[in-house]
C-alpha atoms as a PDB file:
ATOM      1  CA  UNK A   1     154.480 222.784 140.285  1.00  0.00           C
ATOM      2  CA  UNK A   2     157.603 224.742 139.994  1.00  0.00           C
ATOM      3  CA  UNK A   3     156.546 227.109 142.845  1.00  0.00           C
ATOM      4  CA  UNK A   4     156.524 224.259 145.222  1.00  0.00           C
ATOM      5  CA  UNK A   5     160.152 223.772 144.597  1.00  0.00           C
ATOM      6  CA  UNK A   6     161.610 227.111 145.829  1.00  0.00           C
ATOM      7  CA  UNK A   7     164.970 228.373 144.439  1.00  0.00           C
ATOM      8  CA  UNK A   8     167.171 229.620 147.300  1.00  0.00           C
ATOM      9  CA  UNK A   9     170.476 231.364 147.305  1.00  0.00           C
ATOM     10  CA  UNK A  10     173.006 232.543 149.875  1.00  0.00           C
ATOM     11  CA  UNK A  11     170.907 235.574 150.520  1.00  0.00           C
ATOM     12  CA  UNK A  12     167.612 233.732 151.139  1.00  0.00           C
ATOM     13  CA  UNK A  13     168.869 230.487 152.679  1.00  0.00           C
ATOM     14  CA  UNK A  14     168.537 231.517 156.336  1.00  0.00           C
ATOM     15  CA  UNK A  15     165.066 233.030 155.810  1.00  0.00           C
ATOM     16  CA  UNK A  16     163.605 230.155 153.640  1.00  0.00           C
ATOM     17  CA  UNK A  17     165.405 227.189 155.214  1.00  0.00           C
ATOM     18  CA  UNK A  18     166.678 227.870 158.695  1.00  0.00           C
ATOM     19  CA  UNK A  19     163.748 229.997 159.830  1.00  0.00           C
ATOM     20  CA  UNK A  20     161.141 227.822 158.201  1.00  0.00           C
ATOM     21  CA  UNK A  21     158.161 226.738 160.293  1.00  0.00           C
ATOM     22  CA  UNK A  22     158.047 223.469 158.297  1.00  0.00           C
ATOM     23  CA  UNK A  23     160.690 220.826 157.985  1.00  0.00           C
ATOM     24  CA  UNK A  24     162.695 221.451 154.834  1.00  0.00           C
ATOM     25  CA  UNK A  25     164.397 219.409 152.096  1.00  0.00           C
ATOM     26  CA  UNK A  26     167.108 221.288 150.212  1.00  0.00           C
ATOM     27  CA  UNK A  27     168.103 219.785 146.864  1.00  0.00           C
ATOM     28  CA  UNK A  28     171.666 220.894 145.755  1.00  0.00           C
ATOM     29  CA  UNK A  29     171.969 220.425 142.012  1.00  0.00           C
ATOM     30  CA  UNK A  30     173.872 221.522 138.952  1.00  0.00           C
ATOM     31  CA  UNK A  31     172.874 222.096 135.427  1.00  0.00           C
ATOM     32  CA  UNK A  32     175.495 219.623 134.184  1.00  0.00           C
ATOM     33  CA  UNK A  33     174.686 216.915 136.765  1.00  0.00           C
ATOM     34  CA  UNK A  34     172.789 214.123 135.000  1.00  0.00           C
ATOM     35  CA  UNK A  35     171.630 212.387 138.203  1.00  0.00           C
ATOM     36  CA  UNK A  36     170.383 215.677 139.511  1.00  0.00           C
ATOM     37  CA  UNK A  37     168.417 216.454 136.441  1.00  0.00           C
ATOM     38  CA  UNK A  38     167.023 212.951 136.299  1.00  0.00           C
ATOM     39  CA  UNK A  39     165.814 213.212 139.971  1.00  0.00           C
ATOM     40  CA  UNK A  40     164.294 216.639 139.502  1.00  0.00           C
ATOM     41  CA  UNK A  41     160.791 215.350 138.294  1.00  0.00           C
ATOM     42  CA  UNK A  42     160.656 213.001 141.296  1.00  0.00           C
ATOM     43  CA  UNK A  43     161.363 215.831 143.685  1.00  0.00           C
ATOM     44  CA  UNK A  44     158.742 218.000 142.062  1.00  0.00           C
ATOM     45  CA  UNK A  45     156.210 215.161 142.565  1.00  0.00           C
ATOM     46  CA  UNK A  46     157.257 214.801 146.228  1.00  0.00           C
ATOM     47  CA  UNK A  47     156.815 218.542 146.746  1.00  0.00           C
ATOM     48  CA  UNK A  48     153.214 218.170 145.588  1.00  0.00           C
ATOM     49  CA  UNK A  49     152.623 215.126 147.783  1.00  0.00           C
ATOM     50  CA  UNK A  50     154.044 216.835 150.897  1.00  0.00           C
ATOM     51  CA  UNK A  51     152.695 220.181 150.259  1.00  0.00           C
ATOM     52  CA  UNK A  52     151.868 222.041 153.488  1.00  0.00           C
ATOM     53  CA  UNK A  53     153.859 219.487 155.504  1.00  0.00           C
ATOM     54  CA  UNK A  54     157.500 219.842 154.162  1.00  0.00           C
ATOM     55  CA  UNK A  55     159.011 222.687 152.345  1.00  0.00           C
ATOM     56  CA  UNK A  56     161.061 221.851 149.273  1.00  0.00           C
ATOM     57  CA  UNK A  57     163.920 224.189 148.223  1.00  0.00           C
ATOM     58  CA  UNK A  58     166.644 223.830 145.570  1.00  0.00           C
ATOM     59  CA  UNK A  59     170.044 225.400 145.140  1.00  0.00           C
ATOM     60  CA  UNK A  60     171.879 225.641 141.843  1.00  0.00           C
ATOM     61  CA  UNK A  61     175.409 225.055 142.937  1.00  0.00           C
ATOM     62  CA  UNK A  62     176.791 226.613 139.725  1.00  0.00           C
ATOM     63  CA  UNK A  63     175.218 229.870 140.743  1.00  0.00           C
ATOM     64  CA  UNK A  64     175.696 229.540 144.521  1.00  0.00           C
ATOM     65  CA  UNK A  65     179.232 227.947 144.916  1.00  0.00           C
ATOM     66  CA  UNK A  66     179.939 229.995 148.027  1.00  0.00           C
ATOM     67  CA  UNK A  67     176.819 228.645 149.730  1.00  0.00           C
ATOM     68  CA  UNK A  68     177.606 225.049 148.762  1.00  0.00           C
ATOM     69  CA  UNK A  69     181.151 225.431 150.186  1.00  0.00           C
ATOM     70  CA  UNK A  70     179.896 226.971 153.409  1.00  0.00           C
ATOM     71  CA  UNK A  71     177.545 224.059 153.854  1.00  0.00           C
ATOM     72  CA  UNK A  72     180.201 221.511 152.859  1.00  0.00           C
ATOM     73  CA  UNK A  73     178.413 220.330 149.840  1.00  0.00           C
ATOM     74  CA  UNK A  74     181.172 218.520 148.013  1.00  0.00           C
ATOM     75  CA  UNK A  75     179.213 216.299 145.589  1.00  0.00           C
ATOM     76  CA  UNK A  76     176.082 216.419 143.567  1.00  0.00           C
ATOM     77  CA  UNK A  77     173.270 215.540 144.014  1.00  0.00           C
ATOM     78  CA  UNK A  78     173.201 216.350 147.738  1.00  0.00           C
ATOM     79  CA  UNK A  79     169.995 216.663 149.724  1.00  0.00           C
ATOM     80  CA  UNK A  80     169.934 218.349 153.141  1.00  0.00           C
ATOM     81  CA  UNK A  81     167.130 217.822 155.586  1.00  0.00           C
ATOM     82  CA  UNK A  82     166.185 220.415 158.224  1.00  0.00           C
ATOM     83  CA  UNK A  83     163.858 220.513 161.033  1.00  0.00           C
ATOM     84  CA  UNK A  84     163.516 223.531 163.408  1.00  0.00           C
ATOM     85  CA  UNK A  85     166.470 225.189 161.664  1.00  0.00           C
ATOM     86  CA  UNK A  86     168.795 222.273 162.519  1.00  0.00           C
ATOM     87  CA  UNK A  87     170.403 219.899 159.993  1.00  0.00           C
ATOM     88  CA  UNK A  88     169.003 216.448 160.762  1.00  0.00           C
ATOM     89  CA  UNK A  89     169.875 214.458 157.737  1.00  0.00           C
ATOM     90  CA  UNK A  90     171.952 214.295 154.482  1.00  0.00           C
ATOM     91  CA  UNK A  91     171.971 212.161 151.399  1.00  0.00           C
ATOM     92  CA  UNK A  92     174.809 212.415 148.868  1.00  0.00           C
ATOM     93  CA  UNK A  93     175.500 210.992 145.431  1.00  0.00           C
ATOM     94  CA  UNK A  94     174.373 207.404 145.047  1.00  0.00           C
ATOM     95  CA  UNK A  95     172.406 207.755 148.280  1.00  0.00           C
ATOM     96  CA  UNK A  96     169.960 210.008 146.522  1.00  0.00           C
ATOM     97  CA  UNK A  97     167.212 207.612 145.549  1.00  0.00           C
ATOM     98  CA  UNK A  98     163.529 208.128 145.688  1.00  0.00           C
ATOM     99  CA  UNK A  99     163.212 205.539 148.418  1.00  0.00           C
ATOM    100  CA  UNK A 100     165.945 207.052 150.604  1.00  0.00           C
ATOM    101  CA  UNK A 101     164.469 210.539 150.156  1.00  0.00           C
ATOM    102  CA  UNK A 102     160.907 209.358 151.075  1.00  0.00           C
ATOM    103  CA  UNK A 103     162.427 207.565 154.193  1.00  0.00           C
ATOM    104  CA  UNK A 104     164.057 210.871 155.308  1.00  0.00           C
ATOM    105  CA  UNK A 105     160.918 212.884 154.609  1.00  0.00           C
ATOM    106  CA  UNK A 106     158.941 210.454 156.793  1.00  0.00           C
ATOM    107  CA  UNK A 107     161.539 210.755 159.608  1.00  0.00           C
ATOM    108  CA  UNK A 108     161.128 214.555 159.387  1.00  0.00           C
ATOM    109  CA  UNK A 109     157.384 214.161 159.984  1.00  0.00           C
ATOM    110  CA  UNK A 110     157.717 211.577 162.798  1.00  0.00           C
END
């Protein structure tokens, strides 16, 4: 299951996210972010459900502060949604619910 949720960094972001053939959800999280950790099992389940249709990536903001700043990720959790290398959606903080994520994923597939 863990390999369906690919850990990306500043060095691999362009290759794994921007150059992906599939639409991508990027989960920005932190080891001290309780909502992030609570949501992680749901994200892993979604990664299984959408396997082969949407790529799921995660960025540990504690280890990748520079990338988070470059992408203007100012709060956790933050989820960014990409299609064709373009940012097409964003959920931040309290917006990060299972229902909202599924709605955005379905938009990516539409």
